[in-house]
Protein backbone atom coordinates (compact mmCIF):
# COMPACT_ATOMS: atom_id res chain seq x y z
CA MET A 1 -13.75 -55.41 -36.13
CA ASN A 2 -15.22 -52.87 -33.56
CA HIS A 3 -13.79 -54.82 -30.55
CA THR A 4 -10.49 -54.07 -31.85
CA ARG A 5 -10.78 -50.06 -32.69
CA GLN A 6 -12.04 -49.85 -29.43
CA ASP A 7 -9.29 -51.36 -28.37
CA ARG A 8 -6.92 -49.12 -30.47
CA ARG A 9 -8.31 -45.73 -30.07
CA ASN A 10 -8.08 -46.47 -25.62
CA SER A 11 -4.20 -47.10 -26.41
CA ASN A 12 -3.71 -44.11 -28.82
CA PHE A 13 -5.71 -42.11 -25.88
CA ASN A 14 -3.42 -42.94 -22.48
CA ASN A 15 -0.75 -42.82 -24.68
CA ARG A 16 -1.52 -39.25 -24.88
CA LYS A 17 0.10 -36.62 -23.06
CA SER A 18 -2.20 -33.87 -21.81
CA PRO A 19 -0.59 -30.03 -21.90
CA ILE A 20 -0.60 -29.86 -18.27
CA ASP A 21 1.87 -32.89 -19.26
CA ASN A 22 4.59 -31.59 -22.13
CA HIS A 23 4.15 -28.12 -19.92
CA GLN A 24 5.49 -30.50 -16.69
CA SER A 25 7.94 -32.02 -19.11
CA ASN A 26 9.44 -28.04 -20.03
CA LEU A 27 10.07 -27.09 -16.55
CA THR A 28 13.09 -28.67 -15.50
CA ARG A 29 14.17 -29.56 -11.84
CA ARG A 30 16.13 -26.09 -11.92
CA ARG A 31 14.17 -24.04 -13.16
CA PHE A 32 11.48 -24.94 -10.79
CA LEU A 33 13.74 -24.31 -7.87
CA ARG A 34 15.04 -21.27 -9.75
CA GLY A 35 11.16 -19.55 -10.17
CA ALA A 36 10.19 -20.85 -6.29
CA GLY A 37 13.87 -18.70 -5.16
CA VAL A 38 12.65 -15.75 -6.24
CA SER A 39 9.15 -15.47 -5.88
CA LEU A 40 9.77 -16.71 -2.53
CA ALA A 41 11.72 -13.21 -1.95
CA LEU A 42 8.82 -11.36 -3.22
CA PRO A 43 6.58 -10.52 -0.71
CA LEU A 44 2.63 -12.53 -0.82
CA LEU A 45 0.42 -10.27 -1.52
CA GLN A 46 -3.05 -9.97 -0.61
CA SER A 47 -4.98 -10.10 -3.73
CA ILE A 48 -2.85 -13.70 -4.43
CA ARG A 49 -3.27 -15.29 -1.13
CA PRO A 50 -5.42 -18.08 -0.97
CA ALA A 51 -9.97 -17.42 0.18
CA PHE A 52 -9.23 -20.04 2.69
CA ALA A 53 -6.28 -18.99 4.43
CA LYS A 54 -7.85 -16.37 6.02
CA ASN A 55 -9.40 -18.40 8.02
CA ASN A 56 -6.70 -19.39 9.61
CA GLU A 57 -4.92 -16.60 10.23
CA SER A 58 -5.09 -13.81 13.07
CA PRO A 59 -6.95 -10.65 13.03
CA THR A 60 -5.65 -8.03 10.30
CA PRO A 61 -3.88 -5.24 11.88
CA ARG A 62 -5.19 -1.92 12.06
CA ARG A 63 -3.65 0.70 9.79
CA MET A 64 -3.85 4.33 9.48
CA LEU A 65 -4.07 6.25 6.32
CA LEU A 66 -3.71 10.71 6.70
CA ILE A 67 -4.43 12.53 3.74
CA SER A 68 -3.33 16.25 3.16
CA ASN A 69 -5.45 17.99 1.07
CA ASN A 70 -3.36 20.72 0.79
CA LEU A 71 -5.74 23.19 -1.25
CA GLY A 72 -8.80 22.06 1.07
CA VAL A 73 -12.40 21.66 0.32
CA LEU A 74 -15.18 24.54 0.40
CA PRO A 75 -16.65 23.64 3.72
CA LYS A 76 -20.18 23.87 3.08
CA GLN A 77 -19.61 21.79 0.04
CA PHE A 78 -17.98 19.27 2.53
CA PHE A 79 -19.42 19.09 5.78
CA PRO A 80 -23.35 17.57 6.07
CA LYS A 81 -25.78 19.73 7.91
CA THR A 82 -27.33 17.33 9.76
CA SER A 83 -26.11 15.01 11.71
CA GLY A 84 -26.84 11.14 12.95
CA ARG A 85 -27.06 7.91 11.38
CA ASP A 86 -29.50 9.58 8.49
CA TYR A 87 -27.49 12.03 7.81
CA GLU A 88 -27.85 13.74 4.07
CA LEU A 89 -24.93 13.84 1.99
CA SER A 90 -23.00 16.69 1.51
CA PRO A 91 -22.36 17.48 -2.04
CA TYR A 92 -18.57 16.46 -2.04
CA LEU A 93 -19.36 12.74 0.13
CA GLN A 94 -22.23 12.07 -2.85
CA ASP A 95 -19.36 10.82 -4.52
CA LEU A 96 -19.07 8.07 -1.34
CA ALA A 97 -22.42 7.16 -1.07
CA GLU A 98 -22.24 3.55 -1.13
CA PHE A 99 -19.83 3.49 1.64
CA ARG A 100 -21.09 5.34 3.99
CA ASN A 101 -21.72 3.22 6.18
CA ASP A 102 -17.96 2.51 6.07
CA PHE A 103 -16.69 6.06 7.49
CA THR A 104 -17.50 8.75 10.06
CA VAL A 105 -17.51 12.78 9.10
CA PHE A 106 -15.68 14.55 12.22
CA SER A 107 -15.76 18.77 12.25
CA GLY A 108 -14.75 20.89 14.79
CA LEU A 109 -11.05 19.88 14.27
CA SER A 110 -8.94 22.47 13.39
CA HIS A 111 -6.16 24.08 14.90
CA PRO A 112 -6.76 27.92 16.13
CA ASP A 113 -3.41 28.98 16.85
CA VAL A 114 -2.03 27.37 14.03
CA ASP A 115 -1.55 30.37 10.66
CA GLY A 116 0.90 31.31 8.11
CA GLY A 117 -0.88 29.80 5.55
CA HIS A 118 1.66 26.90 3.64
CA SER A 119 3.93 26.75 6.59
CA THR A 120 0.72 25.25 8.66
CA GLU A 121 1.13 22.20 6.37
CA ASN A 122 3.93 20.99 8.86
CA CYS A 123 1.42 21.29 11.71
CA PHE A 124 -1.52 19.67 9.89
CA LEU A 125 -1.50 16.39 12.72
CA THR A 126 0.79 17.86 15.51
CA ALA A 127 -1.49 21.39 15.86
CA ALA A 128 1.63 22.92 17.39
CA ARG A 129 1.36 26.46 17.66
CA GLY A 130 2.97 29.33 16.08
CA PRO A 131 4.36 27.22 13.10
CA THR A 132 5.55 30.69 11.94
CA LYS A 133 6.81 32.27 15.04
CA SER A 134 10.51 32.55 15.94
CA GLY A 135 12.01 29.35 17.73
CA PHE A 136 8.62 27.08 16.69
CA ARG A 137 9.89 23.88 17.51
CA ASN A 138 7.37 20.52 16.02
CA THR A 139 5.76 17.56 18.33
CA ILE A 140 5.21 14.19 17.34
CA SER A 141 2.47 14.06 15.12
CA LEU A 142 -0.01 11.67 14.69
CA ASP A 143 0.78 9.18 12.65
CA GLN A 144 4.07 8.39 14.41
CA PHE A 145 2.15 8.33 18.10
CA ALA A 146 -0.08 4.87 15.91
CA ALA A 147 2.83 3.71 15.01
CA GLU A 148 4.23 3.90 18.06
CA ARG A 149 0.89 1.41 19.08
CA LEU A 150 0.77 -0.14 15.71
CA GLY A 151 3.38 0.15 14.67
CA PRO A 152 5.11 -3.13 15.60
CA VAL A 153 2.66 -5.09 13.87
CA THR A 154 2.62 -4.37 10.50
CA ARG A 155 5.38 -4.66 7.93
CA PHE A 156 6.28 -1.09 8.27
CA SER A 157 5.50 0.93 10.85
CA THR A 158 4.78 4.02 8.61
CA LEU A 159 5.11 5.21 5.39
CA ASN A 160 5.35 8.39 4.90
CA LEU A 161 4.44 9.62 1.00
CA GLY A 162 4.45 12.98 -0.50
CA VAL A 163 3.75 15.17 -4.45
CA ASN A 164 5.88 17.87 -5.44
CA ILE A 165 7.35 18.09 -2.07
CA ASP A 166 10.32 20.21 -0.31
CA LYS A 167 11.54 17.49 1.46
CA ALA A 168 14.09 19.42 3.74
CA ASN A 169 11.57 21.64 4.83
CA ARG A 170 7.87 19.75 4.56
CA SER A 171 6.54 16.63 5.63
CA LEU A 172 3.34 15.36 8.02
CA SER A 173 5.17 13.16 9.74
CA TRP A 174 7.41 14.48 12.78
CA THR A 175 8.92 12.72 15.72
CA ARG A 176 8.34 13.39 19.62
CA ASP A 177 11.20 15.57 19.03
CA GLY A 178 10.19 17.90 16.29
CA VAL A 179 12.47 16.33 13.98
CA LEU A 180 11.21 16.38 10.16
CA LEU A 181 11.06 12.84 8.90
CA PRO A 182 11.10 13.71 4.69
CA ALA A 183 8.82 12.21 3.16
CA GLU A 184 9.30 9.89 -0.28
CA ASP A 185 7.97 11.52 -3.56
CA SER A 186 9.56 8.73 -6.03
CA ALA A 187 7.14 5.77 -6.47
CA SER A 188 9.89 3.37 -8.27
CA ALA A 189 12.13 3.84 -4.55
CA LEU A 190 8.41 2.95 -2.84
CA PHE A 191 8.25 -0.21 -5.08
CA ARG A 192 11.72 -0.62 -4.06
CA LYS A 193 11.82 -0.16 -0.76
CA MET A 194 8.54 -2.91 -0.35
CA PHE A 195 9.08 -5.48 -2.88
CA ILE A 196 12.52 -5.92 -3.88
CA GLN A 197 13.76 -8.44 -1.89
CA GLY A 198 16.32 -11.31 -1.91
CA ASP A 199 20.60 -11.26 -2.25
CA PRO A 200 22.16 -8.56 -3.90
CA SER A 201 22.00 -10.23 -7.59
CA ALA A 202 18.38 -11.18 -7.23
CA VAL A 203 17.94 -7.17 -6.20
CA LYS A 204 19.73 -6.15 -9.51
CA ARG A 205 18.05 -8.38 -11.88
CA GLN A 206 15.10 -6.93 -10.79
CA LEU A 207 16.41 -3.43 -10.84
CA HIS A 208 17.39 -4.60 -14.10
CA LYS A 209 13.70 -5.11 -15.14
CA LEU A 210 12.45 -1.83 -13.47
CA ASP A 211 14.23 0.66 -15.44
CA GLU A 212 12.98 -1.56 -18.70
CA ARG A 213 9.92 -1.03 -17.29
CA ALA A 214 8.68 -4.72 -17.40
CA SER A 215 6.95 -6.88 -15.09
CA ILE A 216 9.45 -7.75 -11.98
CA LEU A 217 7.65 -11.02 -11.83
CA ASP A 218 8.77 -12.10 -15.23
CA THR A 219 11.90 -12.49 -13.09
CA LEU A 220 10.33 -15.74 -12.36
CA LEU A 221 11.01 -18.52 -14.26
């Protein structure tokens, strides 16, 4: 009797479908391929790459981030009073204490011949003299100089972003010929440039999701 009951239990157990099996039965080949097709159209995000894959990849390309704080900082509150590896953190840098081994503070990099109030923003990365003088012509900015050397190994050679900007007259990025490169101040436009890919119909679906404030990943399946 016990042997028969045990056989029945084993038989019932073997006939049961796991939750994974049930899920797989509902995932048709057409649906799977459609989802895979959309996902392949999206860039591979660094945060979801398998950890083991990093060992087989080439070294991460170098990148440069340049930020202009238009209102500036108080020099005495920003620059350390001492130098060397064990310098005393200034009040501003206290918030970055846990990263002190990852950054270096430089001083003496001001542009003495760049004056004119807010107009000097255009020369922040160029140091071109006399931005308010007649006949002023800017020159290549530091970010574009770096892009010429680092850009070929990155997906985007440069991304010029801004907030509350005058696109026609203000920018941190300038070409070798002194031509202004307009900054992008739209988060949705930046997202579209970086993440929305595929054929016209796929792009249209993804943009529709974006307009509805929904997750673009909802289009995967």
